[in-house]
Amino acid sequence: METVYDFTLPKGYMDASGELHRRGKMRLATAGDEISSTRDPRVLSNPSYLTVVILSRVITELEGVEAVSATLVEKLFTADLAYLQDMYQRINDIEPPTLTAVCPDCGKSFEVPLNFTGEG
């Protein structure tokens, strides 16, 4: 079973010197990752911060960066954050978010999976 996955960010993390970092690794999340993330004081005061904290725990490597922290994840471009959120959901077998759509011709409703990365 694969537990660590390679990725390439669509835009890349730009460090203080202007260098872009795009390649990295993400591991599968554990129950402990999710539980401890929900107890993080930043998440308790702002629940939307949960994604940032969880990603900072499961991204094990970003090429050329010493350590991945929540502060680093905050500085990612929104396209990269969306890419990593989608990847997290896919590798952890979390059902992707869906949107209810209605066919303009027949009026039938159906669910469409949302894919923020443009892949697949």
PDB file of N, CA and C in Angstrom:
ATOM      1  N   MET A   1       0.830  -1.179   0.000  1.00  0.00           N
ATOM      2  CA  MET A   1       0.000   0.000   0.000  1.00  0.00           C
ATOM      3  C   MET A   1       0.879   1.248   0.000  1.00  0.00           C
ATOM      4  N   GLU A   2       0.567   2.153  -0.883  1.00  0.00           N
ATOM      5  CA  GLU A   2       1.323   3.402  -0.963  1.00  0.00           C
ATOM      6  C   GLU A   2       0.841   4.354   0.129  1.00  0.00           C
ATOM      7  N   THR A   3       1.782   4.952   0.859  1.00  0.00           N
ATOM      8  CA  THR A   3       1.405   5.871   1.931  1.00  0.00           C
ATOM      9  C   THR A   3       1.947   7.282   1.724  1.00  0.00           C
ATOM     10  N   VAL A   4       2.873   7.460   0.780  1.00  0.00           N
ATOM     11  CA  VAL A   4       3.442   8.778   0.477  1.00  0.00           C
ATOM     12  C   VAL A   4       3.303   9.016  -1.022  1.00  0.00           C
ATOM     13  N   TYR A   5       2.842  10.197  -1.387  1.00  0.00           N
ATOM     14  CA  TYR A   5       2.552  10.528  -2.779  1.00  0.00           C
ATOM     15  C   TYR A   5       3.310  11.797  -3.194  1.00  0.00           C
ATOM     16  N   ASP A   6       3.886  11.743  -4.384  1.00  0.00           N
ATOM     17  CA  ASP A   6       4.570  12.904  -4.955  1.00  0.00           C
ATOM     18  C   ASP A   6       3.545  13.867  -5.542  1.00  0.00           C
ATOM     19  N   PHE A   7       3.880  15.157  -5.528  1.00  0.00           N
ATOM     20  CA  PHE A   7       3.037  16.148  -6.198  1.00  0.00           C
ATOM     21  C   PHE A   7       3.905  17.243  -6.796  1.00  0.00           C
ATOM     22  N   THR A   8       3.329  17.944  -7.741  1.00  0.00           N
ATOM     23  CA  THR A   8       3.931  19.143  -8.325  1.00  0.00           C
ATOM     24  C   THR A   8       2.870  20.230  -8.291  1.00  0.00           C
ATOM     25  N   LEU A   9       3.148  21.289  -7.550  1.00  0.00           N
ATOM     26  CA  LEU A   9       2.183  22.376  -7.423  1.00  0.00           C
ATOM     27  C   LEU A   9       2.005  23.093  -8.760  1.00  0.00           C
ATOM     28  N   PRO A  10       0.780  23.512  -9.072  1.00  0.00           N
ATOM     29  CA  PRO A  10       0.544  24.207 -10.341  1.00  0.00           C
ATOM     30  C   PRO A  10       1.289  25.549 -10.437  1.00  0.00           C
ATOM     31  N   LYS A  11       1.361  26.277  -9.341  1.00  0.00           N
ATOM     32  CA  LYS A  11       2.044  27.585  -9.340  1.00  0.00           C
ATOM     33  C   LYS A  11       3.381  27.503  -8.612  1.00  0.00           C
ATOM     34  N   GLY A  12       3.363  26.983  -7.402  1.00  0.00           N
ATOM     35  CA  GLY A  12       4.575  26.858  -6.602  1.00  0.00           C
ATOM     36  C   GLY A  12       4.619  27.838  -5.453  1.00  0.00           C
ATOM     37  N   TYR A  13       5.265  27.417  -4.383  1.00  0.00           N
ATOM     38  CA  TYR A  13       5.474  28.268  -3.214  1.00  0.00           C
ATOM     39  C   TYR A  13       6.656  29.184  -3.502  1.00  0.00           C
ATOM     40  N   MET A  14       6.441  30.491  -3.347  1.00  0.00           N
ATOM     41  CA  MET A  14       7.523  31.447  -3.573  1.00  0.00           C
ATOM     42  C   MET A  14       8.092  31.875  -2.222  1.00  0.00           C
ATOM     43  N   ASP A  15       9.368  31.559  -2.006  1.00  0.00           N
ATOM     44  CA  ASP A  15       9.997  31.906  -0.732  1.00  0.00           C
ATOM     45  C   ASP A  15      10.411  33.381  -0.709  1.00  0.00           C
ATOM     46  N   ALA A  16      10.981  33.805   0.399  1.00  0.00           N
ATOM     47  CA  ALA A  16      11.345  35.214   0.598  1.00  0.00           C
ATOM     48  C   ALA A  16      12.352  35.717  -0.433  1.00  0.00           C
ATOM     49  N   SER A  17      13.176  34.824  -0.989  1.00  0.00           N
ATOM     50  CA  SER A  17      14.162  35.243  -1.988  1.00  0.00           C
ATOM     51  C   SER A  17      13.604  35.200  -3.410  1.00  0.00           C
ATOM     52  N   GLY A  18      12.316  34.822  -3.555  1.00  0.00           N
ATOM     53  CA  GLY A  18      11.689  34.785  -4.870  1.00  0.00           C
ATOM     54  C   GLY A  18      11.836  33.458  -5.600  1.00  0.00           C
ATOM     55  N   GLU A  19      12.403  32.461  -4.923  1.00  0.00           N
ATOM     56  CA  GLU A  19      12.571  31.142  -5.548  1.00  0.00           C
ATOM     57  C   GLU A  19      11.274  30.348  -5.433  1.00  0.00           C
ATOM     58  N   LEU A  20      10.909  29.666  -6.540  1.00  0.00           N
ATOM     59  CA  LEU A  20       9.706  28.842  -6.551  1.00  0.00           C
ATOM     60  C   LEU A  20      10.040  27.403  -6.169  1.00  0.00           C
ATOM     61  N   HIS A  21       9.154  26.818  -5.365  1.00  0.00           N
ATOM     62  CA  HIS A  21       9.286  25.425  -4.938  1.00  0.00           C
ATOM     63  C   HIS A  21       7.989  24.735  -5.336  1.00  0.00           C
ATOM     64  N   ARG A  22       8.068  23.714  -6.187  1.00  0.00           N
ATOM     65  CA  ARG A  22       6.850  23.095  -6.720  1.00  0.00           C
ATOM     66  C   ARG A  22       6.698  21.621  -6.378  1.00  0.00           C
ATOM     67  N   ARG A  23       7.796  20.898  -6.260  1.00  0.00           N
ATOM     68  CA  ARG A  23       7.698  19.444  -6.054  1.00  0.00           C
ATOM     69  C   ARG A  23       7.727  19.101  -4.569  1.00  0.00           C
ATOM     70  N   GLY A  24       6.877  18.153  -4.196  1.00  0.00           N
ATOM     71  CA  GLY A  24       6.833  17.756  -2.796  1.00  0.00           C
ATOM     72  C   GLY A  24       6.231  16.390  -2.609  1.00  0.00           C
ATOM     73  N   LYS A  25       5.992  16.050  -1.341  1.00  0.00           N
ATOM     74  CA  LYS A  25       5.414  14.759  -0.978  1.00  0.00           C
ATOM     75  C   LYS A  25       4.346  14.968   0.094  1.00  0.00           C
ATOM     76  N   MET A  26       3.281  14.183  -0.041  1.00  0.00           N
ATOM     77  CA  MET A  26       2.212  14.194   0.949  1.00  0.00           C
ATOM     78  C   MET A  26       1.979  12.750   1.389  1.00  0.00           C
ATOM     79  N   ARG A  27       1.825  12.563   2.699  1.00  0.00           N
ATOM     80  CA  ARG A  27       1.552  11.228   3.226  1.00  0.00           C
ATOM     81  C   ARG A  27       0.068  11.110   3.560  1.00  0.00           C
ATOM     82  N   LEU A  28      -0.360   9.870   3.713  1.00  0.00           N
ATOM     83  CA  LEU A  28      -1.726   9.634   4.153  1.00  0.00           C
ATOM     84  C   LEU A  28      -1.924  10.228   5.547  1.00  0.00           C
ATOM     85  N   ALA A  29      -3.110  10.716   5.807  1.00  0.00           N
ATOM     86  CA  ALA A  29      -3.431  11.278   7.119  1.00  0.00           C
ATOM     87  C   ALA A  29      -3.772  10.151   8.088  1.00  0.00           C
ATOM     88  N   THR A  30      -3.498  10.413   9.343  1.00  0.00           N
ATOM     89  CA  THR A  30      -3.896   9.487  10.406  1.00  0.00           C
ATOM     90  C   THR A  30      -5.054  10.112  11.182  1.00  0.00           C
ATOM     91  N   ALA A  31      -5.710   9.292  11.978  1.00  0.00           N
ATOM     92  CA  ALA A  31      -6.767   9.820  12.845  1.00  0.00           C
ATOM     93  C   ALA A  31      -6.179  10.884  13.774  1.00  0.00           C
ATOM     94  N   GLY A  32      -4.962  10.636  14.241  1.00  0.00           N
ATOM     95  CA  GLY A  32      -4.300  11.599  15.126  1.00  0.00           C
ATOM     96  C   GLY A  32      -4.075  12.948  14.471  1.00  0.00           C
ATOM     97  N   ASP A  33      -3.749  12.942  13.166  1.00  0.00           N
ATOM     98  CA  ASP A  33      -3.572  14.205  12.440  1.00  0.00           C
ATOM     99  C   ASP A  33      -4.855  15.035  12.488  1.00  0.00           C
ATOM    100  N   GLU A  34      -5.959  14.358  12.218  1.00  0.00           N
ATOM    101  CA  GLU A  34      -7.227  15.075  12.168  1.00  0.00           C
ATOM    102  C   GLU A  34      -7.689  15.500  13.548  1.00  0.00           C
ATOM    103  N   ILE A  35      -7.522  14.646  14.548  1.00  0.00           N
ATOM    104  CA  ILE A  35      -7.955  14.985  15.904  1.00  0.00           C
ATOM    105  C   ILE A  35      -7.135  16.142  16.462  1.00  0.00           C
ATOM    106  N   SER A  36      -5.802  16.039  16.352  1.00  0.00           N
ATOM    107  CA  SER A  36      -4.965  17.105  16.915  1.00  0.00           C
ATOM    108  C   SER A  36      -5.147  18.420  16.156  1.00  0.00           C
ATOM    109  N   SER A  37      -5.450  18.335  14.868  1.00  0.00           N
ATOM    110  CA  SER A  37      -5.679  19.558  14.094  1.00  0.00           C
ATOM    111  C   SER A  37      -6.930  20.284  14.574  1.00  0.00           C
ATOM    112  N   THR A  38      -7.968  19.529  14.931  1.00  0.00           N
ATOM    113  CA  THR A  38      -9.204  20.179  15.402  1.00  0.00           C
ATOM    114  C   THR A  38      -9.014  20.822  16.771  1.00  0.00           C
ATOM    115  N   ARG A  39      -7.982  20.402  17.502  1.00  0.00           N
ATOM    116  CA  ARG A  39      -7.699  20.979  18.825  1.00  0.00           C
ATOM    117  C   ARG A  39      -6.723  22.155  18.770  1.00  0.00           C
ATOM    118  N   ASP A  40      -6.169  22.413  17.594  1.00  0.00           N
ATOM    119  CA  ASP A  40      -5.212  23.517  17.429  1.00  0.00           C
ATOM    120  C   ASP A  40      -5.911  24.839  17.773  1.00  0.00           C
ATOM    121  N   PRO A  41      -5.282  25.686  18.582  1.00  0.00           N
ATOM    122  CA  PRO A  41      -5.913  26.958  18.976  1.00  0.00           C
ATOM    123  C   PRO A  41      -6.312  27.843  17.784  1.00  0.00           C
ATOM    124  N   ARG A  42      -5.536  27.793  16.698  1.00  0.00           N
ATOM    125  CA  ARG A  42      -5.870  28.600  15.511  1.00  0.00           C
ATOM    126  C   ARG A  42      -7.159  28.099  14.874  1.00  0.00           C
ATOM    127  N   VAL A  43      -7.383  26.799  14.921  1.00  0.00           N
ATOM    128  CA  VAL A  43      -8.603  26.210  14.365  1.00  0.00           C
ATOM    129  C   VAL A  43      -9.790  26.502  15.287  1.00  0.00           C
ATOM    130  N   LEU A  44      -9.561  26.437  16.594  1.00  0.00           N
ATOM    131  CA  LEU A  44     -10.634  26.726  17.547  1.00  0.00           C
ATOM    132  C   LEU A  44     -11.152  28.149  17.391  1.00  0.00           C
ATOM    133  N   SER A  45     -10.250  29.085  17.072  1.00  0.00           N
ATOM    134  CA  SER A  45     -10.695  30.471  16.897  1.00  0.00           C
ATOM    135  C   SER A  45     -11.161  30.766  15.473  1.00  0.00           C
ATOM    136  N   ASN A  46     -10.769  29.904  14.502  1.00  0.00           N
ATOM    137  CA  ASN A  46     -11.177  30.096  13.108  1.00  0.00           C
ATOM    138  C   ASN A  46     -11.250  28.716  12.437  1.00  0.00           C
ATOM    139  N   PRO A  47     -12.425  28.091  12.440  1.00  0.00           N
ATOM    140  CA  PRO A  47     -12.557  26.727  11.904  1.00  0.00           C
ATOM    141  C   PRO A  47     -12.096  26.562  10.460  1.00  0.00           C
ATOM    142  N   SER A  48     -12.121  27.612   9.659  1.00  0.00           N
ATOM    143  CA  SER A  48     -11.666  27.488   8.271  1.00  0.00           C
ATOM    144  C   SER A  48     -10.159  27.268   8.183  1.00  0.00           C
ATOM    145  N   TYR A  49      -9.454  27.445   9.280  1.00  0.00           N
ATOM    146  CA  TYR A  49      -8.006  27.233   9.330  1.00  0.00           C
ATOM    147  C   TYR A  49      -7.640  25.747   9.401  1.00  0.00           C
ATOM    148  N   LEU A  50      -8.643  24.885   9.586  1.00  0.00           N
ATOM    149  CA  LEU A  50      -8.408  23.446   9.717  1.00  0.00           C
ATOM    150  C   LEU A  50      -7.630  22.889   8.533  1.00  0.00           C
ATOM    151  N   THR A  51      -7.996  23.279   7.339  1.00  0.00           N
ATOM    152  CA  THR A  51      -7.308  22.787   6.140  1.00  0.00           C
ATOM    153  C   THR A  51      -5.825  23.112   6.185  1.00  0.00           C
ATOM    154  N   VAL A  52      -5.497  24.322   6.592  1.00  0.00           N
ATOM    155  CA  VAL A  52      -4.095  24.760   6.648  1.00  0.00           C
ATOM    156  C   VAL A  52      -3.310  23.891   7.624  1.00  0.00           C
ATOM    157  N   VAL A  53      -3.887  23.651   8.797  1.00  0.00           N
ATOM    158  CA  VAL A  53      -3.185  22.871   9.818  1.00  0.00           C
ATOM    159  C   VAL A  53      -3.009  21.419   9.378  1.00  0.00           C
ATOM    160  N   ILE A  54      -4.067  20.819   8.850  1.00  0.00           N
ATOM    161  CA  ILE A  54      -3.957  19.422   8.417  1.00  0.00           C
ATOM    162  C   ILE A  54      -2.923  19.282   7.301  1.00  0.00           C
ATOM    163  N   LEU A  55      -2.977  20.166   6.315  1.00  0.00           N
ATOM    164  CA  LEU A  55      -1.995  20.070   5.220  1.00  0.00           C
ATOM    165  C   LEU A  55      -0.566  20.240   5.738  1.00  0.00           C
ATOM    166  N   SER A  56      -0.375  21.122   6.713  1.00  0.00           N
ATOM    167  CA  SER A  56       0.981  21.318   7.244  1.00  0.00           C
ATOM    168  C   SER A  56       1.491  20.062   7.942  1.00  0.00           C
ATOM    169  N   ARG A  57       0.587  19.208   8.400  1.00  0.00           N
ATOM    170  CA  ARG A  57       0.984  17.954   9.052  1.00  0.00           C
ATOM    171  C   ARG A  57       1.290  16.847   8.046  1.00  0.00           C
ATOM    172  N   VAL A  58       0.551  16.800   6.935  1.00  0.00           N
ATOM    173  CA  VAL A  58       0.694  15.671   6.002  1.00  0.00           C
ATOM    174  C   VAL A  58       1.640  15.941   4.835  1.00  0.00           C
ATOM    175  N   ILE A  59       1.966  17.203   4.588  1.00  0.00           N
ATOM    176  CA  ILE A  59       2.977  17.500   3.558  1.00  0.00           C
ATOM    177  C   ILE A  59       4.329  17.280   4.226  1.00  0.00           C
ATOM    178  N   THR A  60       4.994  16.234   3.802  1.00  0.00           N
ATOM    179  CA  THR A  60       6.239  15.839   4.462  1.00  0.00           C
ATOM    180  C   THR A  60       7.460  16.503   3.856  1.00  0.00           C
ATOM    181  N   GLU A  61       7.302  17.018   2.649  1.00  0.00           N
ATOM    182  CA  GLU A  61       8.459  17.585   1.960  1.00  0.00           C
ATOM    183  C   GLU A  61       7.994  18.564   0.897  1.00  0.00           C
ATOM    184  N   LEU A  62       8.710  19.670   0.799  1.00  0.00           N
ATOM    185  CA  LEU A  62       8.568  20.600  -0.321  1.00  0.00           C
ATOM    186  C   LEU A  62       9.985  20.930  -0.741  1.00  0.00           C
ATOM    187  N   GLU A  63      10.341  20.503  -1.931  1.00  0.00           N
ATOM    188  CA  GLU A  63      11.710  20.586  -2.428  1.00  0.00           C
ATOM    189  C   GLU A  63      12.337  21.955  -2.159  1.00  0.00           C
ATOM    190  N   GLY A  64      13.491  21.940  -1.494  1.00  0.00           N
ATOM    191  CA  GLY A  64      14.229  23.164  -1.226  1.00  0.00           C
ATOM    192  C   GLY A  64      13.759  23.930  -0.006  1.00  0.00           C
ATOM    193  N   VAL A  65      12.800  23.384   0.748  1.00  0.00           N
ATOM    194  CA  VAL A  65      12.279  24.039   1.947  1.00  0.00           C
ATOM    195  C   VAL A  65      12.618  23.149   3.137  1.00  0.00           C
ATOM    196  N   GLU A  66      13.139  23.767   4.185  1.00  0.00           N
ATOM    197  CA  GLU A  66      13.580  22.994   5.345  1.00  0.00           C
ATOM    198  C   GLU A  66      12.431  22.296   6.062  1.00  0.00           C
ATOM    199  N   ALA A  67      11.328  23.008   6.286  1.00  0.00           N
ATOM    200  CA  ALA A  67      10.193  22.424   7.000  1.00  0.00           C
ATOM    201  C   ALA A  67       8.899  23.044   6.501  1.00  0.00           C
ATOM    202  N   VAL A  68       7.860  22.234   6.440  1.00  0.00           N
ATOM    203  CA  VAL A  68       6.542  22.721   6.038  1.00  0.00           C
ATOM    204  C   VAL A  68       5.755  23.022   7.311  1.00  0.00           C
ATOM    205  N   SER A  69       5.289  24.255   7.415  1.00  0.00           N
ATOM    206  CA  SER A  69       4.528  24.695   8.581  1.00  0.00           C
ATOM    207  C   SER A  69       3.198  25.285   8.124  1.00  0.00           C
ATOM    208  N   ALA A  70       2.318  25.545   9.088  1.00  0.00           N
ATOM    209  CA  ALA A  70       1.043  26.184   8.767  1.00  0.00           C
ATOM    210  C   ALA A  70       1.287  27.570   8.160  1.00  0.00           C
ATOM    211  N   THR A  71       2.289  28.265   8.631  1.00  0.00           N
ATOM    212  CA  THR A  71       2.619  29.586   8.090  1.00  0.00           C
ATOM    213  C   THR A  71       3.006  29.489   6.618  1.00  0.00           C
ATOM    214  N   LEU A  72       3.756  28.457   6.254  1.00  0.00           N
ATOM    215  CA  LEU A  72       4.116  28.250   4.848  1.00  0.00           C
ATOM    216  C   LEU A  72       2.867  27.942   4.032  1.00  0.00           C
ATOM    217  N   VAL A  73       2.002  27.055   4.506  1.00  0.00           N
ATOM    218  CA  VAL A  73       0.788  26.697   3.780  1.00  0.00           C
ATOM    219  C   VAL A  73      -0.079  27.941   3.557  1.00  0.00           C
ATOM    220  N   GLU A  74      -0.128  28.833   4.542  1.00  0.00           N
ATOM    221  CA  GLU A  74      -0.879  30.096   4.405  1.00  0.00           C
ATOM    222  C   GLU A  74      -0.385  30.924   3.228  1.00  0.00           C
ATOM    223  N   LYS A  75       0.882  30.818   2.909  1.00  0.00           N
ATOM    224  CA  LYS A  75       1.483  31.642   1.861  1.00  0.00           C
ATOM    225  C   LYS A  75       1.370  31.043   0.465  1.00  0.00           C
ATOM    226  N   LEU A  76       0.764  29.858   0.356  1.00  0.00           N
ATOM    227  CA  LEU A  76       0.588  29.251  -0.961  1.00  0.00           C
ATOM    228  C   LEU A  76      -0.428  30.038  -1.785  1.00  0.00           C
ATOM    229  N   PHE A  77      -0.256  30.014  -3.087  1.00  0.00           N
ATOM    230  CA  PHE A  77      -1.251  30.607  -3.975  1.00  0.00           C
ATOM    231  C   PHE A  77      -2.531  29.781  -3.861  1.00  0.00           C
ATOM    232  N   THR A  78      -3.673  30.404  -4.085  1.00  0.00           N
ATOM    233  CA  THR A  78      -4.947  29.702  -3.918  1.00  0.00           C
ATOM    234  C   THR A  78      -5.061  28.491  -4.851  1.00  0.00           C
ATOM    235  N   ALA A  79      -4.496  28.562  -6.041  1.00  0.00           N
ATOM    236  CA  ALA A  79      -4.534  27.412  -6.954  1.00  0.00           C
ATOM    237  C   ALA A  79      -3.785  26.228  -6.347  1.00  0.00           C
ATOM    238  N   ASP A  80      -2.679  26.490  -5.674  1.00  0.00           N
ATOM    239  CA  ASP A  80      -1.901  25.424  -5.047  1.00  0.00           C
ATOM    240  C   ASP A  80      -2.645  24.855  -3.836  1.00  0.00           C
ATOM    241  N   LEU A  81      -3.281  25.715  -3.049  1.00  0.00           N
ATOM    242  CA  LEU A  81      -4.047  25.242  -1.901  1.00  0.00           C
ATOM    243  C   LEU A  81      -5.199  24.347  -2.369  1.00  0.00           C
ATOM    244  N   ALA A  82      -5.905  24.767  -3.406  1.00  0.00           N
ATOM    245  CA  ALA A  82      -7.009  23.959  -3.943  1.00  0.00           C
ATOM    246  C   ALA A  82      -6.493  22.619  -4.461  1.00  0.00           C
ATOM    247  N   TYR A  83      -5.346  22.636  -5.125  1.00  0.00           N
ATOM    248  CA  TYR A  83      -4.729  21.411  -5.641  1.00  0.00           C
ATOM    249  C   TYR A  83      -4.420  20.450  -4.498  1.00  0.00           C
ATOM    250  N   LEU A  84      -3.825  20.973  -3.426  1.00  0.00           N
ATOM    251  CA  LEU A  84      -3.452  20.127  -2.290  1.00  0.00           C
ATOM    252  C   LEU A  84      -4.682  19.618  -1.537  1.00  0.00           C
ATOM    253  N   GLN A  85      -5.724  20.437  -1.429  1.00  0.00           N
ATOM    254  CA  GLN A  85      -6.957  19.982  -0.789  1.00  0.00           C
ATOM    255  C   GLN A  85      -7.566  18.817  -1.582  1.00  0.00           C
ATOM    256  N   ASP A  86      -7.596  18.961  -2.884  1.00  0.00           N
ATOM    257  CA  ASP A  86      -8.136  17.907  -3.733  1.00  0.00           C
ATOM    258  C   ASP A  86      -7.293  16.634  -3.609  1.00  0.00           C
ATOM    259  N   MET A  87      -5.997  16.788  -3.627  1.00  0.00           N
ATOM    260  CA  MET A  87      -5.103  15.636  -3.499  1.00  0.00           C
ATOM    261  C   MET A  87      -5.325  14.941  -2.156  1.00  0.00           C
ATOM    262  N   TYR A  88      -5.427  15.713  -1.083  1.00  0.00           N
ATOM    263  CA  TYR A  88      -5.669  15.164   0.255  1.00  0.00           C
ATOM    264  C   TYR A  88      -6.939  14.313   0.249  1.00  0.00           C
ATOM    265  N   GLN A  89      -7.991  14.834  -0.339  1.00  0.00           N
ATOM    266  CA  GLN A  89      -9.252  14.105  -0.401  1.00  0.00           C
ATOM    267  C   GLN A  89      -9.116  12.818  -1.219  1.00  0.00           C
ATOM    268  N   ARG A  90      -8.421  12.908  -2.350  1.00  0.00           N
ATOM    269  CA  ARG A  90      -8.269  11.735  -3.216  1.00  0.00           C
ATOM    270  C   ARG A  90      -7.446  10.639  -2.559  1.00  0.00           C
ATOM    271  N   ILE A  91      -6.285  10.968  -1.986  1.00  0.00           N
ATOM    272  CA  ILE A  91      -5.414   9.919  -1.445  1.00  0.00           C
ATOM    273  C   ILE A  91      -5.961   9.325  -0.151  1.00  0.00           C
ATOM    274  N   ASN A  92      -6.778  10.081   0.554  1.00  0.00           N
ATOM    275  CA  ASN A  92      -7.366   9.583   1.793  1.00  0.00           C
ATOM    276  C   ASN A  92      -8.756   9.001   1.559  1.00  0.00           C
ATOM    277  N   ASP A  93      -9.121   8.839   0.286  1.00  0.00           N
ATOM    278  CA  ASP A  93     -10.404   8.253  -0.100  1.00  0.00           C
ATOM    279  C   ASP A  93     -11.593   8.977   0.521  1.00  0.00           C
ATOM    280  N   ILE A  94     -11.488  10.280   0.589  1.00  0.00           N
ATOM    281  CA  ILE A  94     -12.604  11.084   1.064  1.00  0.00           C
ATOM    282  C   ILE A  94     -13.442  11.427  -0.144  1.00  0.00           C
ATOM    283  N   GLU A  95     -14.733  11.265  -0.019  1.00  0.00           N
ATOM    284  CA  GLU A  95     -15.609  11.538  -1.157  1.00  0.00           C
ATOM    285  C   GLU A  95     -15.474  12.994  -1.565  1.00  0.00           C
ATOM    286  N   PRO A  96     -15.250  13.263  -2.860  1.00  0.00           N
ATOM    287  CA  PRO A  96     -15.083  14.647  -3.305  1.00  0.00           C
ATOM    288  C   PRO A  96     -16.385  15.428  -3.165  1.00  0.00           C
ATOM    289  N   PRO A  97     -16.277  16.741  -2.989  1.00  0.00           N
ATOM    290  CA  PRO A  97     -17.483  17.555  -2.920  1.00  0.00           C
ATOM    291  C   PRO A  97     -18.223  17.505  -4.257  1.00  0.00           C
ATOM    292  N   THR A  98     -19.533  17.623  -4.191  1.00  0.00           N
ATOM    293  CA  THR A  98     -20.329  17.597  -5.416  1.00  0.00           C
ATOM    294  C   THR A  98     -21.196  18.836  -5.507  1.00  0.00           C
ATOM    295  N   LEU A  99     -21.687  19.059  -6.690  1.00  0.00           N
ATOM    296  CA  LEU A  99     -22.579  20.169  -6.974  1.00  0.00           C
ATOM    297  C   LEU A  99     -23.797  19.584  -7.658  1.00  0.00           C
ATOM    298  N   THR A 100     -24.982  20.000  -7.240  1.00  0.00           N
ATOM    299  CA  THR A 100     -26.196  19.545  -7.910  1.00  0.00           C
ATOM    300  C   THR A 100     -26.403  20.411  -9.138  1.00  0.00           C
ATOM    301  N   ALA A 101     -26.507  19.754 -10.280  1.00  0.00           N
ATOM    302  CA  ALA A 101     -26.718  20.463 -11.547  1.00  0.00           C
ATOM    303  C   ALA A 101     -28.061  20.030 -12.128  1.00  0.00           C
ATOM    304  N   VAL A 102     -28.621  20.899 -12.954  1.00  0.00           N
ATOM    305  CA  VAL A 102     -29.888  20.609 -13.612  1.00  0.00           C
ATOM    306  C   VAL A 102     -29.690  20.730 -15.109  1.00  0.00           C
ATOM    307  N   CYS A 103     -30.085  19.695 -15.839  1.00  0.00           N
ATOM    308  CA  CYS A 103     -29.969  19.712 -17.289  1.00  0.00           C
ATOM    309  C   CYS A 103     -30.919  20.771 -17.839  1.00  0.00           C
ATOM    310  N   PRO A 104     -30.397  21.706 -18.630  1.00  0.00           N
ATOM    311  CA  PRO A 104     -31.259  22.767 -19.171  1.00  0.00           C
ATOM    312  C   PRO A 104     -32.275  22.252 -20.196  1.00  0.00           C
ATOM    313  N   ASP A 105     -32.011  21.085 -20.787  1.00  0.00           N
ATOM    314  CA  ASP A 105     -32.925  20.542 -21.793  1.00  0.00           C
ATOM    315  C   ASP A 105     -34.061  19.727 -21.181  1.00  0.00           C
ATOM    316  N   CYS A 106     -33.712  18.771 -20.282  1.00  0.00           N
ATOM    317  CA  CYS A 106     -34.742  17.871 -19.755  1.00  0.00           C
ATOM    318  C   CYS A 106     -35.185  18.205 -18.337  1.00  0.00           C
ATOM    319  N   GLY A 107     -34.389  19.066 -17.635  1.00  0.00           N
ATOM    320  CA  GLY A 107     -34.757  19.446 -16.274  1.00  0.00           C
ATOM    321  C   GLY A 107     -34.367  18.436 -15.208  1.00  0.00           C
ATOM    322  N   LYS A 108     -33.670  17.366 -15.586  1.00  0.00           N
ATOM    323  CA  LYS A 108     -33.257  16.341 -14.633  1.00  0.00           C
ATOM    324  C   LYS A 108     -32.096  16.850 -13.775  1.00  0.00           C
ATOM    325  N   SER A 109     -32.157  16.581 -12.454  1.00  0.00           N
ATOM    326  CA  SER A 109     -31.077  16.942 -11.528  1.00  0.00           C
ATOM    327  C   SER A 109     -30.081  15.797 -11.431  1.00  0.00           C
ATOM    328  N   PHE A 110     -28.805  16.136 -11.270  1.00  0.00           N
ATOM    329  CA  PHE A 110     -27.760  15.127 -11.101  1.00  0.00           C
ATOM    330  C   PHE A 110     -26.595  15.743 -10.350  1.00  0.00           C
ATOM    331  N   GLU A 111     -25.785  14.877  -9.740  1.00  0.00           N
ATOM    332  CA  GLU A 111     -24.621  15.315  -8.967  1.00  0.00           C
ATOM    333  C   GLU A 111     -23.385  15.321  -9.855  1.00  0.00           C
ATOM    334  N   VAL A 112     -22.592  16.379  -9.744  1.00  0.00           N
ATOM    335  CA  VAL A 112     -21.353  16.513 -10.501  1.00  0.00           C
ATOM    336  C   VAL A 112     -20.216  16.680  -9.492  1.00  0.00           C
ATOM    337  N   PRO A 113     -19.179  15.810  -9.531  1.00  0.00           N
ATOM    338  CA  PRO A 113     -18.046  15.985  -8.607  1.00  0.00           C
ATOM    339  C   PRO A 113     -17.269  17.236  -8.973  1.00  0.00           C
ATOM    340  N   LEU A 114     -16.849  17.974  -7.935  1.00  0.00           N
ATOM    341  CA  LEU A 114     -16.034  19.168  -8.157  1.00  0.00           C
ATOM    342  C   LEU A 114     -14.569  18.757  -8.153  1.00  0.00           C
ATOM    343  N   ASN A 115     -13.811  19.273  -9.100  1.00  0.00           N
ATOM    344  CA  ASN A 115     -12.394  18.980  -9.231  1.00  0.00           C
ATOM    345  C   ASN A 115     -11.685  20.300  -9.406  1.00  0.00           C
ATOM    346  N   PHE A 116     -10.979  20.749  -8.363  1.00  0.00           N
ATOM    347  CA  PHE A 116     -10.331  22.053  -8.398  1.00  0.00           C
ATOM    348  C   PHE A 116      -8.972  22.042  -9.074  1.00  0.00           C
ATOM    349  N   THR A 117      -8.480  20.855  -9.417  1.00  0.00           N
ATOM    350  CA  THR A 117      -7.132  20.793  -9.982  1.00  0.00           C
ATOM    351  C   THR A 117      -7.125  20.794 -11.500  1.00  0.00           C
ATOM    352  N   GLY A 118      -8.253  20.532 -12.121  1.00  0.00           N
ATOM    353  CA  GLY A 118      -8.291  20.456 -13.573  1.00  0.00           C
ATOM    354  C   GLY A 118      -7.809  19.118 -14.103  1.00  0.00           C
ATOM    355  N   GLU A 119      -7.453  18.184 -13.209  1.00  0.00           N
ATOM    356  CA  GLU A 119      -6.986  16.864 -13.631  1.00  0.00           C
ATOM    357  C   GLU A 119      -8.171  15.914 -13.720  1.00  0.00           C
ATOM    358  N   GLY A 120      -8.019  14.882 -14.546  1.00  0.00           N
ATOM    359  CA  GLY A 120      -8.895  13.739 -14.563  1.00  0.00           C
ATOM    360  C   GLY A 120     -10.288  13.989 -14.899  1.00  0.00           C
TER     361      GLY A 120
END
